[in-house]
């Protein structure tokens, strides 16, 4: 795996990635779209879990498990897939499309959350994997937690780049993420939580 390169701030917020207008349109999305897509899905899954006979405590435990699974998924995908550059010119181009563009243009407001053209197939793929381990109402609760974790990740990622809230927790997360962008790209892979950076030894270095 290629080492992460130092990240730089572009003077321009956005850059055109594709010659075809329809592909360019699919690469950009407002930050609220994941909420609009997946929170109704979460509500339906929660309703299905409860009407399927799942108790409140069991639902809470399964939901929390889904959240934890999301934090691990977020970390390992970011570290080992998004920061991996396949060999050759085509590999460099692919890496730029799936993650490099964000590091080169971190303030691009329309490329801070995953577009549905990518997130929907991924969500279906992960649901299929979850269905191998869970069934019925428990599956609805666990995957519901996973989906909520994803929505938190996308929304918080946007906020970390474009808001300056003064809450201490937000400020710590922002420092954690900004170091990943502007100081050391080999640290701070967790966005919605630094949990796995602590576990895997990639937490930010204190100034």
N, C-alpha and C. Protein backbone atom coordinates (compact mmCIF):
# COMPACT_ATOMS: atom_id res chain seq x y z
N UNK A 1 0.85 -1.19 0.00
CA UNK A 1 0.00 0.00 0.00
C UNK A 1 0.88 1.23 0.00
N UNK A 2 0.58 2.17 -0.89
CA UNK A 2 1.37 3.38 -0.98
C UNK A 2 1.16 4.24 0.25
N UNK A 3 2.22 4.87 0.72
CA UNK A 3 2.11 5.75 1.88
C UNK A 3 1.28 6.98 1.52
N UNK A 4 0.51 7.44 2.49
CA UNK A 4 -0.31 8.62 2.25
C UNK A 4 0.59 9.83 2.07
N UNK A 5 0.28 10.64 1.07
CA UNK A 5 1.10 11.80 0.80
C UNK A 5 0.60 13.01 1.59
N UNK A 6 1.46 14.00 1.85
CA UNK A 6 0.99 15.20 2.53
C UNK A 6 -0.13 15.85 1.73
N UNK A 7 -1.17 16.31 2.44
CA UNK A 7 -2.32 16.85 1.77
C UNK A 7 -2.22 18.37 1.66
N UNK A 8 -2.81 18.92 0.61
CA UNK A 8 -2.73 20.36 0.41
C UNK A 8 -4.12 20.93 0.17
N UNK A 9 -4.29 22.16 0.52
CA UNK A 9 -5.54 22.85 0.30
C UNK A 9 -5.52 23.51 -1.07
N UNK A 10 -6.53 23.26 -1.86
CA UNK A 10 -6.63 23.87 -3.17
C UNK A 10 -7.21 25.27 -3.05
N UNK A 11 -6.72 26.23 -3.86
CA UNK A 11 -7.31 27.56 -3.82
C UNK A 11 -8.73 27.57 -4.38
N UNK A 12 -9.09 26.55 -5.15
CA UNK A 12 -10.44 26.45 -5.69
C UNK A 12 -11.20 25.36 -4.95
N UNK A 13 -12.48 25.60 -4.70
CA UNK A 13 -13.26 24.61 -3.96
C UNK A 13 -13.49 23.35 -4.77
N UNK A 14 -13.66 23.45 -6.08
CA UNK A 14 -14.06 22.29 -6.86
C UNK A 14 -13.19 22.17 -8.10
N UNK A 15 -13.18 20.98 -8.66
CA UNK A 15 -12.46 20.72 -9.89
C UNK A 15 -13.31 19.75 -10.70
N UNK A 16 -13.29 19.90 -11.99
CA UNK A 16 -14.03 18.98 -12.84
C UNK A 16 -13.27 17.66 -12.92
N UNK A 17 -13.98 16.54 -12.72
CA UNK A 17 -13.35 15.23 -12.71
C UNK A 17 -13.61 14.46 -14.00
N UNK A 18 -14.75 14.68 -14.62
CA UNK A 18 -15.14 13.89 -15.78
C UNK A 18 -15.51 14.80 -16.95
N UNK A 19 -15.23 14.35 -18.15
CA UNK A 19 -15.62 15.11 -19.33
C UNK A 19 -17.12 15.02 -19.56
N UNK A 20 -17.70 13.87 -19.34
CA UNK A 20 -19.14 13.68 -19.54
C UNK A 20 -19.93 14.38 -18.44
N UNK A 21 -20.90 15.20 -18.83
CA UNK A 21 -21.67 15.95 -17.85
C UNK A 21 -22.42 15.04 -16.89
N UNK A 22 -22.96 13.91 -17.39
CA UNK A 22 -23.74 13.05 -16.52
C UNK A 22 -22.87 12.38 -15.46
N UNK A 23 -21.61 12.05 -15.83
CA UNK A 23 -20.71 11.48 -14.84
C UNK A 23 -20.27 12.52 -13.83
N UNK A 24 -20.05 13.75 -14.30
CA UNK A 24 -19.70 14.83 -13.38
C UNK A 24 -20.82 15.07 -12.39
N UNK A 25 -22.06 15.04 -12.88
CA UNK A 25 -23.21 15.26 -11.99
C UNK A 25 -23.31 14.16 -10.93
N UNK A 26 -23.01 12.93 -11.31
CA UNK A 26 -23.09 11.82 -10.36
C UNK A 26 -22.00 11.87 -9.31
N UNK A 27 -20.93 12.64 -9.57
CA UNK A 27 -19.82 12.71 -8.62
C UNK A 27 -20.02 13.78 -7.55
N UNK A 28 -21.09 14.55 -7.65
CA UNK A 28 -21.34 15.64 -6.70
C UNK A 28 -22.71 15.48 -6.06
N UNK A 29 -22.78 15.79 -4.78
CA UNK A 29 -24.05 15.62 -4.08
C UNK A 29 -24.08 16.53 -2.85
N UNK A 30 -25.21 17.20 -2.57
CA UNK A 30 -25.31 18.01 -1.34
C UNK A 30 -25.25 17.14 -0.10
N UNK A 31 -24.84 17.72 1.01
CA UNK A 31 -24.61 16.95 2.23
C UNK A 31 -25.87 16.32 2.80
N UNK A 32 -27.06 16.88 2.50
CA UNK A 32 -28.30 16.40 3.12
C UNK A 32 -28.87 15.17 2.42
N UNK A 33 -28.34 14.80 1.27
CA UNK A 33 -28.91 13.69 0.50
C UNK A 33 -28.85 12.36 1.27
N UNK A 34 -27.72 11.99 1.90
CA UNK A 34 -27.73 10.73 2.66
C UNK A 34 -28.80 10.71 3.75
N UNK A 35 -29.04 11.83 4.42
CA UNK A 35 -30.10 11.88 5.44
C UNK A 35 -31.45 11.61 4.80
N UNK A 36 -31.72 12.27 3.66
CA UNK A 36 -33.01 12.10 2.98
C UNK A 36 -33.21 10.68 2.49
N UNK A 37 -32.13 10.00 2.10
CA UNK A 37 -32.23 8.64 1.58
C UNK A 37 -32.34 7.60 2.69
N UNK A 38 -31.47 7.72 3.70
CA UNK A 38 -31.28 6.60 4.62
C UNK A 38 -32.01 6.73 5.95
N UNK A 39 -32.37 7.92 6.38
CA UNK A 39 -33.14 8.01 7.62
C UNK A 39 -34.54 7.43 7.47
N UNK A 40 -35.23 7.65 6.34
CA UNK A 40 -36.51 6.92 6.16
C UNK A 40 -36.32 5.40 6.14
N UNK A 41 -35.22 4.94 5.54
CA UNK A 41 -34.93 3.51 5.55
C UNK A 41 -34.73 3.02 6.98
N UNK A 42 -34.01 3.79 7.78
CA UNK A 42 -33.80 3.43 9.18
C UNK A 42 -35.13 3.38 9.92
N UNK A 43 -36.01 4.36 9.69
CA UNK A 43 -37.31 4.38 10.35
C UNK A 43 -38.12 3.13 9.99
N UNK A 44 -38.09 2.74 8.72
CA UNK A 44 -38.81 1.54 8.29
C UNK A 44 -38.22 0.30 8.92
N UNK A 45 -36.91 0.21 8.98
CA UNK A 45 -36.27 -0.96 9.57
C UNK A 45 -36.57 -1.05 11.07
N UNK A 46 -36.61 0.10 11.74
CA UNK A 46 -36.93 0.09 13.16
C UNK A 46 -38.37 -0.36 13.38
N UNK A 47 -39.29 0.16 12.58
CA UNK A 47 -40.69 -0.25 12.67
C UNK A 47 -40.82 -1.75 12.40
N UNK A 48 -40.10 -2.25 11.41
CA UNK A 48 -40.14 -3.68 11.07
C UNK A 48 -39.59 -4.52 12.21
N UNK A 49 -38.53 -4.04 12.87
CA UNK A 49 -37.96 -4.79 13.99
C UNK A 49 -38.93 -4.90 15.14
N UNK A 50 -39.59 -3.80 15.49
CA UNK A 50 -40.52 -3.82 16.62
C UNK A 50 -41.79 -4.60 16.31
N UNK A 51 -42.31 -4.42 15.11
CA UNK A 51 -43.51 -5.18 14.74
C UNK A 51 -43.18 -6.66 14.56
N UNK A 52 -41.92 -6.97 14.36
CA UNK A 52 -41.50 -8.36 14.26
C UNK A 52 -41.29 -9.03 15.60
N UNK A 53 -41.48 -8.26 16.69
CA UNK A 53 -41.43 -8.85 18.02
C UNK A 53 -40.16 -8.56 18.80
N UNK A 54 -39.30 -7.70 18.30
CA UNK A 54 -38.05 -7.41 19.01
C UNK A 54 -38.33 -6.49 20.20
N UNK A 55 -37.80 -6.84 21.37
CA UNK A 55 -37.96 -6.01 22.55
C UNK A 55 -37.05 -4.80 22.51
N UNK A 56 -37.37 -3.81 23.34
CA UNK A 56 -36.63 -2.55 23.33
C UNK A 56 -35.16 -2.77 23.69
N UNK A 57 -34.89 -3.54 24.73
CA UNK A 57 -33.51 -3.75 25.16
C UNK A 57 -32.71 -4.51 24.10
N UNK A 58 -33.34 -5.50 23.50
CA UNK A 58 -32.66 -6.25 22.44
C UNK A 58 -32.40 -5.34 21.25
N UNK A 59 -33.38 -4.51 20.92
CA UNK A 59 -33.19 -3.57 19.81
C UNK A 59 -32.03 -2.63 20.10
N UNK A 60 -31.97 -2.09 21.32
CA UNK A 60 -30.90 -1.17 21.67
C UNK A 60 -29.53 -1.84 21.56
N UNK A 61 -29.44 -3.08 22.03
CA UNK A 61 -28.16 -3.80 21.95
C UNK A 61 -27.77 -4.06 20.50
N UNK A 62 -28.73 -4.47 19.68
CA UNK A 62 -28.44 -4.75 18.28
C UNK A 62 -28.11 -3.47 17.53
N UNK A 63 -28.84 -2.41 17.82
CA UNK A 63 -28.57 -1.11 17.20
C UNK A 63 -27.16 -0.63 17.54
N UNK A 64 -26.80 -0.72 18.83
CA UNK A 64 -25.46 -0.31 19.25
C UNK A 64 -24.39 -1.16 18.57
N UNK A 65 -24.67 -2.45 18.40
CA UNK A 65 -23.72 -3.30 17.70
C UNK A 65 -23.53 -2.86 16.26
N UNK A 66 -24.61 -2.45 15.61
CA UNK A 66 -24.50 -1.94 14.24
C UNK A 66 -23.67 -0.68 14.16
N UNK A 67 -23.82 0.19 15.16
CA UNK A 67 -23.01 1.41 15.20
C UNK A 67 -21.52 1.08 15.33
N UNK A 68 -21.21 0.14 16.22
CA UNK A 68 -19.81 -0.23 16.41
C UNK A 68 -19.23 -0.85 15.13
N UNK A 69 -20.03 -1.70 14.49
CA UNK A 69 -19.57 -2.29 13.23
C UNK A 69 -19.32 -1.19 12.20
N UNK A 70 -20.18 -0.16 12.19
CA UNK A 70 -19.94 0.94 11.25
C UNK A 70 -18.62 1.63 11.52
N UNK A 71 -18.31 1.92 12.80
CA UNK A 71 -17.06 2.63 13.10
C UNK A 71 -15.85 1.85 12.61
N UNK A 72 -15.91 0.51 12.74
CA UNK A 72 -14.80 -0.31 12.23
C UNK A 72 -14.76 -0.27 10.71
N UNK A 73 -15.93 -0.36 10.08
CA UNK A 73 -16.00 -0.32 8.61
C UNK A 73 -15.45 0.99 8.09
N UNK A 74 -15.87 2.08 8.71
CA UNK A 74 -15.39 3.42 8.31
C UNK A 74 -13.87 3.49 8.38
N UNK A 75 -13.31 3.04 9.48
CA UNK A 75 -11.87 3.12 9.67
C UNK A 75 -11.11 2.28 8.65
N UNK A 76 -11.49 1.01 8.53
CA UNK A 76 -10.71 0.10 7.69
C UNK A 76 -10.89 0.40 6.20
N UNK A 77 -12.06 0.82 5.79
CA UNK A 77 -12.23 1.24 4.39
C UNK A 77 -11.38 2.47 4.10
N UNK A 78 -11.41 3.44 5.02
CA UNK A 78 -10.65 4.67 4.81
C UNK A 78 -9.16 4.38 4.76
N UNK A 79 -8.70 3.58 5.69
CA UNK A 79 -7.26 3.35 5.78
C UNK A 79 -6.73 2.45 4.66
N UNK A 80 -7.42 1.35 4.41
CA UNK A 80 -6.85 0.33 3.53
C UNK A 80 -7.41 0.33 2.11
N UNK A 81 -8.53 1.00 1.88
CA UNK A 81 -9.05 1.08 0.52
C UNK A 81 -8.92 2.50 -0.03
N UNK A 82 -9.47 3.48 0.67
CA UNK A 82 -9.44 4.84 0.15
C UNK A 82 -8.03 5.39 0.02
N UNK A 83 -7.11 4.94 0.89
CA UNK A 83 -5.74 5.43 0.82
C UNK A 83 -4.81 4.47 0.08
N UNK A 84 -5.38 3.48 -0.57
CA UNK A 84 -4.59 2.56 -1.39
C UNK A 84 -4.58 3.06 -2.83
N UNK A 85 -3.41 3.12 -3.41
CA UNK A 85 -3.28 3.53 -4.81
C UNK A 85 -2.90 2.31 -5.64
N UNK A 86 -3.81 1.81 -6.49
CA UNK A 86 -3.47 0.67 -7.36
C UNK A 86 -2.32 1.06 -8.29
N UNK A 87 -1.59 0.09 -8.80
CA UNK A 87 -0.43 0.40 -9.66
C UNK A 87 -0.84 0.97 -11.01
N UNK A 88 0.08 1.75 -11.57
CA UNK A 88 -0.10 2.25 -12.93
C UNK A 88 -0.89 3.54 -12.99
N UNK A 89 -0.95 4.09 -14.20
CA UNK A 89 -1.67 5.35 -14.42
C UNK A 89 -3.15 5.21 -14.15
N UNK A 90 -3.71 4.06 -14.56
CA UNK A 90 -5.13 3.84 -14.31
C UNK A 90 -5.40 3.76 -12.81
N UNK A 91 -4.49 3.11 -12.07
CA UNK A 91 -4.64 3.04 -10.62
C UNK A 91 -4.59 4.41 -9.97
N UNK A 92 -3.70 5.26 -10.44
CA UNK A 92 -3.62 6.62 -9.90
C UNK A 92 -4.92 7.39 -10.17
N UNK A 93 -5.45 7.20 -11.37
CA UNK A 93 -6.70 7.86 -11.72
C UNK A 93 -7.85 7.37 -10.85
N UNK A 94 -7.91 6.06 -10.64
CA UNK A 94 -8.96 5.50 -9.80
C UNK A 94 -8.86 6.03 -8.37
N UNK A 95 -7.63 6.07 -7.85
CA UNK A 95 -7.45 6.59 -6.50
C UNK A 95 -7.88 8.04 -6.40
N UNK A 96 -7.57 8.83 -7.40
CA UNK A 96 -7.98 10.23 -7.39
C UNK A 96 -9.50 10.35 -7.38
N UNK A 97 -10.18 9.50 -8.14
CA UNK A 97 -11.63 9.56 -8.21
C UNK A 97 -12.26 9.18 -6.89
N UNK A 98 -11.76 8.09 -6.25
CA UNK A 98 -12.48 7.63 -5.07
C UNK A 98 -12.04 8.33 -3.79
N UNK A 99 -10.87 8.99 -3.79
CA UNK A 99 -10.50 9.68 -2.54
C UNK A 99 -9.52 10.82 -2.72
N UNK A 100 -8.63 10.72 -3.69
CA UNK A 100 -7.61 11.74 -3.84
C UNK A 100 -8.18 13.12 -4.09
N UNK A 101 -9.29 13.19 -4.84
CA UNK A 101 -9.89 14.49 -5.12
C UNK A 101 -10.31 15.19 -3.84
N UNK A 102 -10.77 14.42 -2.86
CA UNK A 102 -11.18 15.04 -1.60
C UNK A 102 -9.99 15.61 -0.85
N UNK A 103 -8.86 14.92 -0.88
CA UNK A 103 -7.69 15.44 -0.19
C UNK A 103 -7.08 16.63 -0.91
N UNK A 104 -7.14 16.65 -2.22
CA UNK A 104 -6.61 17.79 -2.97
C UNK A 104 -7.54 18.99 -2.93
N UNK A 105 -8.83 18.74 -2.75
CA UNK A 105 -9.83 19.81 -2.74
C UNK A 105 -10.77 19.58 -1.55
N UNK A 106 -10.26 19.72 -0.33
CA UNK A 106 -11.03 19.34 0.86
C UNK A 106 -12.23 20.23 1.15
N UNK A 107 -12.31 21.41 0.51
CA UNK A 107 -13.42 22.31 0.78
C UNK A 107 -14.52 22.23 -0.27
N UNK A 108 -14.44 21.26 -1.16
CA UNK A 108 -15.46 21.08 -2.18
C UNK A 108 -16.75 20.63 -1.49
N UNK A 109 -17.73 21.51 -1.40
CA UNK A 109 -18.95 21.22 -0.65
C UNK A 109 -19.78 20.08 -1.25
N UNK A 110 -19.61 19.81 -2.52
CA UNK A 110 -20.42 18.79 -3.17
C UNK A 110 -19.71 17.45 -3.30
N UNK A 111 -18.50 17.36 -2.70
CA UNK A 111 -17.80 16.07 -2.72
C UNK A 111 -17.35 15.65 -1.32
N UNK A 112 -18.17 15.97 -0.34
CA UNK A 112 -17.85 15.63 1.04
C UNK A 112 -18.67 14.45 1.55
N UNK A 113 -19.71 14.07 0.82
CA UNK A 113 -20.48 12.89 1.19
C UNK A 113 -20.51 11.96 -0.02
N UNK A 114 -20.74 10.68 0.24
CA UNK A 114 -20.70 9.69 -0.84
C UNK A 114 -21.95 9.80 -1.71
N UNK A 115 -21.79 9.91 -3.02
CA UNK A 115 -22.96 10.02 -3.89
C UNK A 115 -23.77 8.73 -3.89
N UNK A 116 -25.09 8.82 -4.07
CA UNK A 116 -25.94 7.62 -4.07
C UNK A 116 -25.54 6.58 -5.11
N UNK A 117 -24.92 7.03 -6.21
CA UNK A 117 -24.48 6.09 -7.23
C UNK A 117 -23.46 5.11 -6.68
N UNK A 118 -22.80 5.48 -5.59
CA UNK A 118 -21.84 4.59 -4.93
C UNK A 118 -22.43 4.03 -3.64
N UNK A 119 -23.08 4.87 -2.84
CA UNK A 119 -23.54 4.44 -1.51
C UNK A 119 -24.66 3.40 -1.57
N UNK A 120 -25.55 3.50 -2.56
CA UNK A 120 -26.65 2.54 -2.64
C UNK A 120 -26.14 1.13 -2.95
N UNK A 121 -25.28 0.94 -3.98
CA UNK A 121 -24.74 -0.42 -4.18
C UNK A 121 -23.95 -0.93 -2.97
N UNK A 122 -23.18 -0.02 -2.32
CA UNK A 122 -22.44 -0.45 -1.14
C UNK A 122 -23.38 -0.85 -0.01
N UNK A 123 -24.44 -0.08 0.20
CA UNK A 123 -25.41 -0.41 1.25
C UNK A 123 -26.04 -1.77 0.99
N UNK A 124 -26.39 -2.03 -0.26
CA UNK A 124 -26.98 -3.33 -0.60
C UNK A 124 -25.97 -4.45 -0.36
N UNK A 125 -24.72 -4.21 -0.72
CA UNK A 125 -23.68 -5.22 -0.50
C UNK A 125 -23.49 -5.52 0.97
N UNK A 126 -23.43 -4.48 1.80
CA UNK A 126 -23.26 -4.71 3.23
C UNK A 126 -24.50 -5.37 3.83
N UNK A 127 -25.68 -4.98 3.35
CA UNK A 127 -26.90 -5.63 3.85
C UNK A 127 -26.86 -7.13 3.55
N UNK A 128 -26.38 -7.49 2.37
CA UNK A 128 -26.29 -8.90 2.00
C UNK A 128 -25.32 -9.64 2.92
N UNK A 129 -24.22 -8.97 3.29
CA UNK A 129 -23.27 -9.59 4.23
C UNK A 129 -23.90 -9.74 5.62
N UNK A 130 -24.60 -8.71 6.07
CA UNK A 130 -25.25 -8.77 7.39
C UNK A 130 -26.29 -9.90 7.42
N UNK A 131 -26.96 -10.10 6.29
CA UNK A 131 -28.01 -11.12 6.23
C UNK A 131 -27.44 -12.53 6.38
N UNK A 132 -26.14 -12.69 6.17
CA UNK A 132 -25.50 -13.99 6.37
C UNK A 132 -25.32 -14.30 7.85
N UNK A 133 -25.28 -13.24 8.67
CA UNK A 133 -25.02 -13.42 10.11
C UNK A 133 -26.26 -13.19 10.97
N UNK A 134 -27.20 -12.39 10.48
CA UNK A 134 -28.39 -12.05 11.26
C UNK A 134 -29.64 -12.31 10.43
N UNK A 135 -30.77 -12.38 11.11
CA UNK A 135 -32.02 -12.62 10.39
C UNK A 135 -33.16 -11.88 11.08
N UNK A 136 -34.22 -11.64 10.33
CA UNK A 136 -35.45 -11.10 10.87
C UNK A 136 -35.28 -9.76 11.56
N UNK A 137 -35.98 -9.58 12.70
CA UNK A 137 -35.94 -8.30 13.41
C UNK A 137 -34.53 -7.89 13.86
N UNK A 138 -33.69 -8.86 14.23
CA UNK A 138 -32.33 -8.52 14.66
C UNK A 138 -31.55 -7.93 13.50
N UNK A 139 -31.71 -8.48 12.32
CA UNK A 139 -31.05 -7.93 11.14
C UNK A 139 -31.48 -6.49 10.91
N UNK A 140 -32.78 -6.22 11.07
CA UNK A 140 -33.28 -4.85 10.88
C UNK A 140 -32.64 -3.89 11.88
N UNK A 141 -32.48 -4.33 13.13
CA UNK A 141 -31.92 -3.46 14.16
C UNK A 141 -30.43 -3.23 13.96
N UNK A 142 -29.70 -4.31 13.67
CA UNK A 142 -28.25 -4.18 13.49
C UNK A 142 -27.94 -3.33 12.27
N UNK A 143 -28.59 -3.62 11.16
CA UNK A 143 -28.32 -2.84 9.95
C UNK A 143 -28.83 -1.42 10.09
N UNK A 144 -29.89 -1.23 10.86
CA UNK A 144 -30.35 0.13 11.15
C UNK A 144 -29.28 0.94 11.86
N UNK A 145 -28.60 0.33 12.83
CA UNK A 145 -27.50 1.01 13.51
C UNK A 145 -26.36 1.31 12.56
N UNK A 146 -26.07 0.39 11.67
CA UNK A 146 -25.02 0.58 10.67
C UNK A 146 -25.35 1.76 9.76
N UNK A 147 -26.60 1.84 9.31
CA UNK A 147 -27.03 2.92 8.43
C UNK A 147 -26.98 4.28 9.15
N UNK A 148 -27.43 4.32 10.40
CA UNK A 148 -27.35 5.57 11.16
C UNK A 148 -25.89 5.99 11.33
N UNK A 149 -25.01 5.03 11.59
CA UNK A 149 -23.59 5.35 11.69
C UNK A 149 -23.07 5.98 10.42
N UNK A 150 -23.50 5.44 9.28
CA UNK A 150 -23.07 6.01 8.00
C UNK A 150 -23.58 7.44 7.82
N UNK A 151 -24.84 7.69 8.17
CA UNK A 151 -25.40 9.03 8.03
C UNK A 151 -24.66 10.02 8.94
N UNK A 152 -24.37 9.59 10.16
CA UNK A 152 -23.61 10.44 11.08
C UNK A 152 -22.24 10.75 10.49
N UNK A 153 -21.60 9.73 9.95
CA UNK A 153 -20.29 9.91 9.34
C UNK A 153 -20.32 10.95 8.21
N UNK A 154 -21.24 10.79 7.28
CA UNK A 154 -21.32 11.71 6.15
C UNK A 154 -21.63 13.14 6.61
N UNK A 155 -22.62 13.28 7.49
CA UNK A 155 -23.04 14.60 7.94
C UNK A 155 -21.94 15.27 8.76
N UNK A 156 -21.32 14.49 9.65
CA UNK A 156 -20.25 15.05 10.48
C UNK A 156 -19.04 15.41 9.63
N UNK A 157 -18.76 14.61 8.62
CA UNK A 157 -17.63 14.92 7.74
C UNK A 157 -17.82 16.28 7.09
N UNK A 158 -19.02 16.54 6.62
CA UNK A 158 -19.31 17.85 6.03
C UNK A 158 -19.12 18.96 7.08
N UNK A 159 -19.65 18.73 8.27
CA UNK A 159 -19.57 19.75 9.33
C UNK A 159 -18.13 20.03 9.72
N UNK A 160 -17.30 18.99 9.79
CA UNK A 160 -15.91 19.18 10.19
C UNK A 160 -15.16 20.08 9.21
N UNK A 161 -15.55 20.05 7.96
CA UNK A 161 -14.89 20.87 6.95
C UNK A 161 -15.47 22.27 6.83
N UNK A 162 -16.72 22.45 7.24
CA UNK A 162 -17.38 23.72 6.93
C UNK A 162 -17.99 24.45 8.13
N UNK A 163 -17.85 23.90 9.32
CA UNK A 163 -18.38 24.58 10.50
C UNK A 163 -17.30 24.69 11.56
N UNK A 164 -17.49 25.64 12.44
CA UNK A 164 -16.52 25.86 13.51
C UNK A 164 -17.25 25.90 14.85
N UNK A 165 -18.06 24.88 15.11
CA UNK A 165 -18.76 24.82 16.39
C UNK A 165 -17.76 24.74 17.52
N UNK A 166 -18.13 25.33 18.65
CA UNK A 166 -17.19 25.47 19.76
C UNK A 166 -17.35 24.39 20.83
N UNK A 167 -18.23 23.43 20.60
CA UNK A 167 -18.37 22.35 21.58
C UNK A 167 -17.03 21.60 21.67
N UNK A 168 -16.57 21.29 22.88
CA UNK A 168 -15.26 20.65 23.04
C UNK A 168 -15.11 19.34 22.26
N UNK A 169 -16.17 18.52 22.23
CA UNK A 169 -16.08 17.25 21.50
C UNK A 169 -15.92 17.50 20.01
N UNK A 170 -16.69 18.45 19.47
CA UNK A 170 -16.57 18.76 18.05
C UNK A 170 -15.18 19.30 17.73
N UNK A 171 -14.65 20.15 18.59
CA UNK A 171 -13.33 20.72 18.35
C UNK A 171 -12.26 19.63 18.34
N UNK A 172 -12.40 18.62 19.21
CA UNK A 172 -11.43 17.53 19.24
C UNK A 172 -11.52 16.70 17.96
N UNK A 173 -12.75 16.42 17.52
CA UNK A 173 -12.92 15.66 16.28
C UNK A 173 -12.38 16.43 15.09
N UNK A 174 -12.61 17.74 15.08
CA UNK A 174 -12.13 18.57 13.97
C UNK A 174 -10.60 18.57 13.93
N UNK A 175 -9.97 18.73 15.08
CA UNK A 175 -8.52 18.69 15.13
C UNK A 175 -8.00 17.34 14.65
N UNK A 176 -8.66 16.29 15.08
CA UNK A 176 -8.29 14.93 14.69
C UNK A 176 -8.35 14.77 13.17
N UNK A 177 -9.42 15.27 12.56
CA UNK A 177 -9.60 15.11 11.12
C UNK A 177 -8.71 16.06 10.32
N UNK A 178 -8.56 17.28 10.80
CA UNK A 178 -7.73 18.23 10.06
C UNK A 178 -6.26 17.81 10.05
N UNK A 179 -5.82 17.17 11.13
CA UNK A 179 -4.44 16.67 11.11
C UNK A 179 -4.29 15.63 10.00
N UNK A 180 -5.30 14.79 9.83
CA UNK A 180 -5.25 13.80 8.76
C UNK A 180 -5.09 14.48 7.40
N UNK A 181 -5.76 15.60 7.22
CA UNK A 181 -5.70 16.29 5.93
C UNK A 181 -4.42 17.10 5.74
N UNK A 182 -4.01 17.82 6.77
CA UNK A 182 -3.00 18.85 6.57
C UNK A 182 -1.68 18.62 7.29
N UNK A 183 -1.61 17.58 8.13
CA UNK A 183 -0.37 17.34 8.88
C UNK A 183 0.21 15.96 8.54
N UNK A 184 -0.57 14.92 8.76
CA UNK A 184 -0.06 13.57 8.56
C UNK A 184 -1.20 12.67 8.08
N UNK A 185 -1.20 12.33 6.80
CA UNK A 185 -2.25 11.51 6.23
C UNK A 185 -2.23 10.07 6.69
N UNK A 186 -1.21 9.67 7.47
CA UNK A 186 -1.15 8.31 8.00
C UNK A 186 -1.75 8.20 9.39
N UNK A 187 -2.41 9.25 9.86
CA UNK A 187 -3.08 9.22 11.15
C UNK A 187 -4.51 9.73 10.96
N UNK A 188 -5.34 9.48 11.98
CA UNK A 188 -6.67 10.07 11.99
C UNK A 188 -7.60 9.55 10.92
N UNK A 189 -7.64 8.24 10.72
CA UNK A 189 -8.52 7.68 9.68
C UNK A 189 -9.98 7.70 10.10
N UNK A 190 -10.25 7.63 11.39
CA UNK A 190 -11.62 7.70 11.86
C UNK A 190 -12.16 9.11 11.75
N UNK A 191 -13.36 9.25 11.22
CA UNK A 191 -13.98 10.58 11.07
C UNK A 191 -15.04 10.79 12.13
N UNK A 192 -15.99 9.88 12.24
CA UNK A 192 -17.05 10.04 13.22
C UNK A 192 -16.64 9.62 14.62
N UNK A 193 -15.50 8.93 14.70
CA UNK A 193 -15.00 8.49 16.01
C UNK A 193 -13.52 8.18 15.90
N UNK A 194 -12.71 8.55 16.90
CA UNK A 194 -11.29 8.17 16.89
C UNK A 194 -11.04 6.80 17.51
N UNK A 195 -12.12 6.05 17.80
CA UNK A 195 -12.00 4.78 18.52
C UNK A 195 -10.98 3.86 17.90
N UNK A 196 -11.10 3.61 16.59
CA UNK A 196 -10.21 2.63 15.97
C UNK A 196 -8.81 3.18 15.74
N UNK A 197 -8.66 4.51 15.69
CA UNK A 197 -7.31 5.08 15.66
C UNK A 197 -6.59 4.78 16.97
N UNK A 198 -7.32 4.83 18.09
CA UNK A 198 -6.72 4.48 19.37
C UNK A 198 -6.36 2.99 19.39
N UNK A 199 -7.28 2.15 18.93
CA UNK A 199 -7.05 0.70 18.96
C UNK A 199 -5.89 0.31 18.04
N UNK A 200 -5.83 0.91 16.85
CA UNK A 200 -4.84 0.52 15.83
C UNK A 200 -3.57 1.35 15.88
N UNK A 201 -3.49 2.31 16.79
CA UNK A 201 -2.25 3.08 16.94
C UNK A 201 -2.04 4.14 15.89
N UNK A 202 -3.12 4.67 15.33
CA UNK A 202 -3.00 5.71 14.31
C UNK A 202 -3.66 7.01 14.74
N UNK A 203 -3.79 7.21 16.04
CA UNK A 203 -4.40 8.45 16.52
C UNK A 203 -3.48 9.62 16.20
N UNK A 204 -4.07 10.81 16.22
CA UNK A 204 -3.27 12.01 15.92
C UNK A 204 -2.19 12.22 16.97
N UNK A 205 -1.12 12.84 16.58
CA UNK A 205 -0.04 13.18 17.50
C UNK A 205 -0.36 14.52 18.13
N UNK A 206 -0.34 14.58 19.44
CA UNK A 206 -0.66 15.83 20.14
C UNK A 206 0.35 16.90 19.78
N UNK A 207 -0.12 18.15 19.51
CA UNK A 207 0.82 19.22 19.18
C UNK A 207 1.69 19.57 20.36
